[in-house]
């Protein structure tokens, strides 16, 4: 069943109606070639509910649907996971965001670490964020997420550390960290309902000073094994492990 996201104001619960507008109108009519009577799933991207609807009519600028029933979210992770991603080169961030959303992350926070090659001014950062948020929305739609994870503004490393220090668990994979048994113990102790921060460095990794600052604020350095993982691989490895631990 196809899923679509709409603004909360487009869901009229008392009237049992849902209105779809924007680019999804063309997608439903001309790409999917759906017709009146077919059923779709709708979410407002905020409250975690699925609104099951039947198409009533397909107009030029909107699609009117009948709200048949609602059900609570059962697809989201039982914990909120935040990815603090050091800005990578080229278009790697797009892949990282797409896969992180598929794996259940709640929010992606781009981080301007000291070894980041990419430097974004305000104009470029705003354009990138718009692009990244669109990728997050598309990935949420494809993976049938109940929410649209937010891609935030680019954060400094110190601000990111400050935010992550308020979470229940905060981890920072580091190539000089050792003891995989410690990593396993941390992962195995993750419980539903906890907030989890994951820091991933850019291509050059985090500096020793950044690792020290993170550790001083309760963010635990961990190892991901004997091999060095690329920035676009490391976060997905951690998120996959967290997803497995929380849903198994």
Protein backbone atom coordinates (compact mmCIF):
# COMPACT_ATOMS: atom_id res chain seq x y z
CA UNK A 1 0.00 0.00 0.00
CA UNK A 2 1.29 3.44 -0.93
CA UNK A 3 1.94 5.98 1.82
CA UNK A 4 1.80 9.78 1.61
CA UNK A 5 2.54 12.63 4.00
CA UNK A 6 0.22 15.60 4.39
CA UNK A 7 0.05 18.68 6.59
CA UNK A 8 -1.99 18.09 9.79
CA UNK A 9 -4.44 20.77 8.59
CA UNK A 10 -5.31 18.55 5.61
CA UNK A 11 -6.73 15.83 7.85
CA UNK A 12 -10.34 16.49 8.89
CA UNK A 13 -11.07 13.83 11.47
CA UNK A 14 -14.59 15.03 12.34
CA UNK A 15 -15.60 15.03 8.66
CA UNK A 16 -13.68 11.84 7.89
CA UNK A 17 -11.91 13.54 5.02
CA UNK A 18 -8.28 13.92 3.94
CA UNK A 19 -7.08 16.25 1.18
CA UNK A 20 -3.83 15.61 -0.68
CA UNK A 21 -2.21 18.49 -2.57
CA UNK A 22 1.13 19.36 -4.10
CA UNK A 23 3.42 17.06 -6.06
CA UNK A 24 1.71 13.94 -4.72
CA UNK A 25 -1.35 14.74 -6.83
CA UNK A 26 0.57 14.21 -10.05
CA UNK A 27 2.34 11.18 -8.60
CA UNK A 28 -0.92 9.49 -7.60
CA UNK A 29 -2.78 10.34 -10.82
CA UNK A 30 -0.18 10.06 -13.54
CA UNK A 31 2.64 7.93 -12.17
CA UNK A 32 0.79 5.41 -10.02
CA UNK A 33 -2.40 5.81 -12.11
CA UNK A 34 -4.59 5.25 -9.08
CA UNK A 35 -8.35 5.54 -9.30
CA UNK A 36 -11.29 6.34 -7.02
CA UNK A 37 -11.94 3.55 -4.55
CA UNK A 38 -8.32 2.52 -4.12
CA UNK A 39 -6.87 2.61 -0.62
CA UNK A 40 -3.82 4.55 0.55
CA UNK A 41 -2.07 5.28 3.83
CA UNK A 42 -1.60 8.85 5.02
CA UNK A 43 0.49 10.32 7.85
CA UNK A 44 0.95 13.88 9.05
CA UNK A 45 4.59 13.09 9.86
CA UNK A 46 4.21 14.21 13.47
CA UNK A 47 1.89 12.18 15.68
CA UNK A 48 2.94 8.66 14.64
CA UNK A 49 -0.56 7.70 13.48
CA UNK A 50 -1.48 6.02 10.24
CA UNK A 51 -4.64 7.29 8.59
CA UNK A 52 -6.06 4.66 6.26
CA UNK A 53 -8.01 6.30 3.45
CA UNK A 54 -9.98 5.51 0.33
CA UNK A 55 -9.73 7.80 -2.70
CA UNK A 56 -13.02 9.58 -3.44
CA UNK A 57 -12.05 11.88 -6.30
CA UNK A 58 -8.98 13.01 -8.22
CA UNK A 59 -8.93 16.67 -9.27
CA UNK A 60 -6.34 18.76 -11.03
CA UNK A 61 -4.89 20.26 -7.86
CA UNK A 62 -6.10 18.00 -5.05
CA UNK A 63 -7.21 14.50 -4.24
CA UNK A 64 -10.11 13.99 -1.86
CA UNK A 65 -10.03 10.91 0.33
CA UNK A 66 -12.36 9.29 2.84
CA UNK A 67 -10.82 8.64 6.25
CA UNK A 68 -11.72 5.04 7.04
CA UNK A 69 -9.80 4.37 10.24
CA UNK A 70 -6.73 5.32 12.25
CA UNK A 71 -4.15 3.21 13.96
CA UNK A 72 -1.28 4.06 16.26
CA UNK A 73 2.31 3.90 15.07
CA UNK A 74 3.96 0.51 15.26
CA UNK A 75 6.82 1.13 12.88
CA UNK A 76 8.93 3.63 14.83
CA UNK A 77 11.81 2.56 17.04
CA UNK A 78 10.90 2.44 20.75
CA UNK A 79 13.70 4.92 21.43
CA UNK A 80 14.66 8.23 19.87
CA UNK A 81 17.97 8.02 18.05
CA UNK A 82 19.87 11.12 16.93
CA UNK A 83 22.67 11.02 14.35
CA UNK A 84 25.32 13.72 14.72
CA UNK A 85 27.07 13.43 11.37
CA UNK A 86 30.33 15.21 10.56
CA UNK A 87 29.94 16.93 7.20
CA UNK A 88 31.32 14.61 4.49
CA UNK A 89 32.56 15.46 1.01
CA UNK A 90 30.56 15.40 -2.23
CA UNK A 91 27.06 13.96 -2.04
CA UNK A 92 27.76 11.39 0.69
CA UNK A 93 25.45 13.20 3.09
CA UNK A 94 22.50 12.40 0.84
CA UNK A 95 23.17 8.66 1.08
CA UNK A 96 23.76 8.88 4.82
CA UNK A 97 20.46 10.70 5.42
CA UNK A 98 18.51 8.33 3.20
CA UNK A 99 19.78 5.18 4.93
CA UNK A 100 19.64 6.68 8.43
CA UNK A 101 15.96 7.49 7.94
CA UNK A 102 15.32 3.95 6.70
CA UNK A 103 17.01 2.62 9.84
CA UNK A 104 14.74 4.62 12.15
CA UNK A 105 16.72 7.69 13.16
CA UNK A 106 14.63 10.50 14.68
CA UNK A 107 16.85 13.42 13.69
CA UNK A 108 20.02 14.07 11.70
CA UNK A 109 22.29 16.86 12.93
CA UNK A 110 25.05 17.85 10.47
CA UNK A 111 28.17 18.78 12.42
CA UNK A 112 31.01 21.06 11.30
CA UNK A 113 33.89 19.17 12.91
CA UNK A 114 37.45 20.52 12.75
CA UNK A 115 38.56 18.04 10.07
CA UNK A 116 35.59 18.58 7.78
CA UNK A 117 36.75 19.48 4.29
CA UNK A 118 33.34 20.90 3.40
CA UNK A 119 32.71 24.47 4.56
CA UNK A 120 29.21 25.88 4.07
CA UNK A 121 28.28 29.54 4.25
CA UNK A 122 24.75 30.49 5.34
CA UNK A 123 23.34 30.52 1.80
CA UNK A 124 24.83 27.17 0.85
CA UNK A 125 23.85 25.65 4.20
CA UNK A 126 20.22 26.70 3.73
CA UNK A 127 20.10 25.25 0.22
CA UNK A 128 21.73 22.02 1.37
CA UNK A 129 19.32 21.68 4.27
CA UNK A 130 16.33 22.05 1.96
CA UNK A 131 17.77 19.36 -0.29
CA UNK A 132 18.57 17.07 2.64
CA UNK A 133 15.12 17.49 4.17
CA UNK A 134 13.57 16.48 0.86
CA UNK A 135 15.67 13.33 0.86
CA UNK A 136 14.58 12.57 4.43
CA UNK A 137 10.93 13.01 3.43
CA UNK A 138 11.29 10.72 0.40
CA UNK A 139 13.08 8.07 2.48
CA UNK A 140 10.41 8.25 5.19
CA UNK A 141 7.74 7.81 2.55
CA UNK A 142 9.50 4.87 0.91
CA UNK A 143 10.20 3.07 4.19
CA UNK A 144 6.69 3.76 5.52
CA UNK A 145 7.87 5.77 8.52
CA UNK A 146 5.16 7.36 10.65
CA UNK A 147 7.16 10.57 11.02
CA UNK A 148 9.44 12.63 8.81
CA UNK A 149 12.81 12.88 10.59
CA UNK A 150 14.22 16.40 10.72
CA UNK A 151 17.55 17.38 9.25
CA UNK A 152 18.64 20.32 11.39
CA UNK A 153 20.85 23.30 10.63
CA UNK A 154 24.58 22.65 10.66
CA UNK A 155 25.86 22.61 14.24
CA UNK A 156 29.28 23.38 15.66
CA UNK A 157 30.97 20.48 17.43
CA UNK A 158 30.72 22.14 20.84
CA UNK A 159 26.99 22.81 20.41
CA UNK A 160 26.47 19.23 19.26
CA UNK A 161 28.28 17.92 22.34
CA UNK A 162 26.18 20.14 24.57
CA UNK A 163 22.96 18.80 23.04
CA UNK A 164 24.07 15.16 23.12
CA UNK A 165 25.20 15.37 26.74
CA UNK A 166 21.55 15.73 27.79
CA UNK A 167 20.59 12.39 26.25
CA UNK A 168 20.46 9.07 28.06
CA UNK A 169 23.18 7.40 25.99
CA UNK A 170 25.75 9.13 23.77
CA UNK A 171 28.34 7.27 21.69
CA UNK A 172 31.25 8.33 19.51
CA UNK A 173 33.01 5.65 17.45
CA UNK A 174 36.75 6.36 17.44
CA UNK A 175 39.48 4.53 15.55
CA UNK A 176 41.81 4.51 18.58
CA UNK A 177 39.20 3.11 20.95
CA UNK A 178 39.59 -0.52 21.97
CA UNK A 179 37.68 -3.33 23.70
CA UNK A 180 34.81 -4.55 21.54
CA UNK A 181 33.33 -6.23 24.63
CA UNK A 182 32.67 -2.76 26.05
CA UNK A 183 30.87 -1.72 22.87
CA UNK A 184 28.78 -4.88 23.03
CA UNK A 185 27.91 -4.25 26.68
CA UNK A 186 26.75 -0.70 25.93
CA UNK A 187 24.62 -1.84 23.01
CA UNK A 188 23.09 -4.74 24.92
CA UNK A 189 22.06 -2.41 27.73
CA UNK A 190 20.08 -0.09 25.44
CA UNK A 191 16.46 -0.06 26.57
CA UNK A 192 13.24 1.16 24.92
CA UNK A 193 12.39 4.70 25.89
CA UNK A 194 15.97 5.94 26.05
CA UNK A 195 17.35 8.75 23.91
CA UNK A 196 20.51 7.82 22.03
CA UNK A 197 23.05 10.12 20.38
CA UNK A 198 25.51 8.76 17.81
CA UNK A 199 28.47 10.85 16.64
CA UNK A 200 30.13 10.02 13.34
CA UNK A 201 33.23 11.85 12.15
CA UNK A 202 33.95 13.19 8.66
CA UNK A 203 36.52 11.55 6.35
CA UNK A 204 39.40 12.67 8.54
CA UNK A 205 37.74 11.52 11.74
CA UNK A 206 37.50 13.52 14.95
CA UNK A 207 40.51 15.27 16.43
CA UNK A 208 41.92 14.22 19.80
CA UNK A 209 40.63 17.47 21.26
CA UNK A 210 37.10 16.73 20.04
CA UNK A 211 37.22 13.22 21.47
CA UNK A 212 38.42 14.62 24.80
CA UNK A 213 35.64 17.23 24.85
CA UNK A 214 33.07 14.56 24.06
CA UNK A 215 34.35 12.23 26.77
CA UNK A 216 34.36 15.06 29.33
CA UNK A 217 30.66 15.53 28.61
CA UNK A 218 29.67 11.89 29.01
CA UNK A 219 29.86 10.86 25.36
CA UNK A 220 31.51 7.45 25.34
CA UNK A 221 34.16 6.55 22.75
CA UNK A 222 33.57 3.06 21.34
CA UNK A 223 35.19 0.79 18.79
CA UNK A 224 33.39 -0.73 15.82
CA UNK A 225 36.02 -3.39 15.22
CA UNK A 226 39.49 -3.78 13.77
CA UNK A 227 38.77 -2.21 10.41
CA UNK A 228 38.47 1.49 9.64
CA UNK A 229 35.02 2.29 8.29
CA UNK A 230 34.24 5.12 5.92
CA UNK A 231 32.07 7.93 7.26
CA UNK A 232 29.14 6.76 5.13
CA UNK A 233 29.51 3.23 6.54
CA UNK A 234 30.16 3.83 10.23
CA UNK A 235 26.86 5.51 11.06
CA UNK A 236 24.85 2.86 9.25
CA UNK A 237 26.72 0.14 11.13
CA UNK A 238 25.89 1.72 14.50
CA UNK A 239 22.27 2.47 13.59
CA UNK A 240 21.74 -1.08 12.33
CA UNK A 241 23.10 -2.45 15.60
CA UNK A 242 20.83 -0.14 17.62
CA UNK A 243 17.79 -1.05 15.53
CA UNK A 244 18.49 -4.77 16.03
CA UNK A 245 18.99 -4.34 19.76
CA UNK A 246 15.80 -2.33 20.29
CA UNK A 247 13.54 -4.44 18.10
CA UNK A 248 14.81 -7.95 18.84
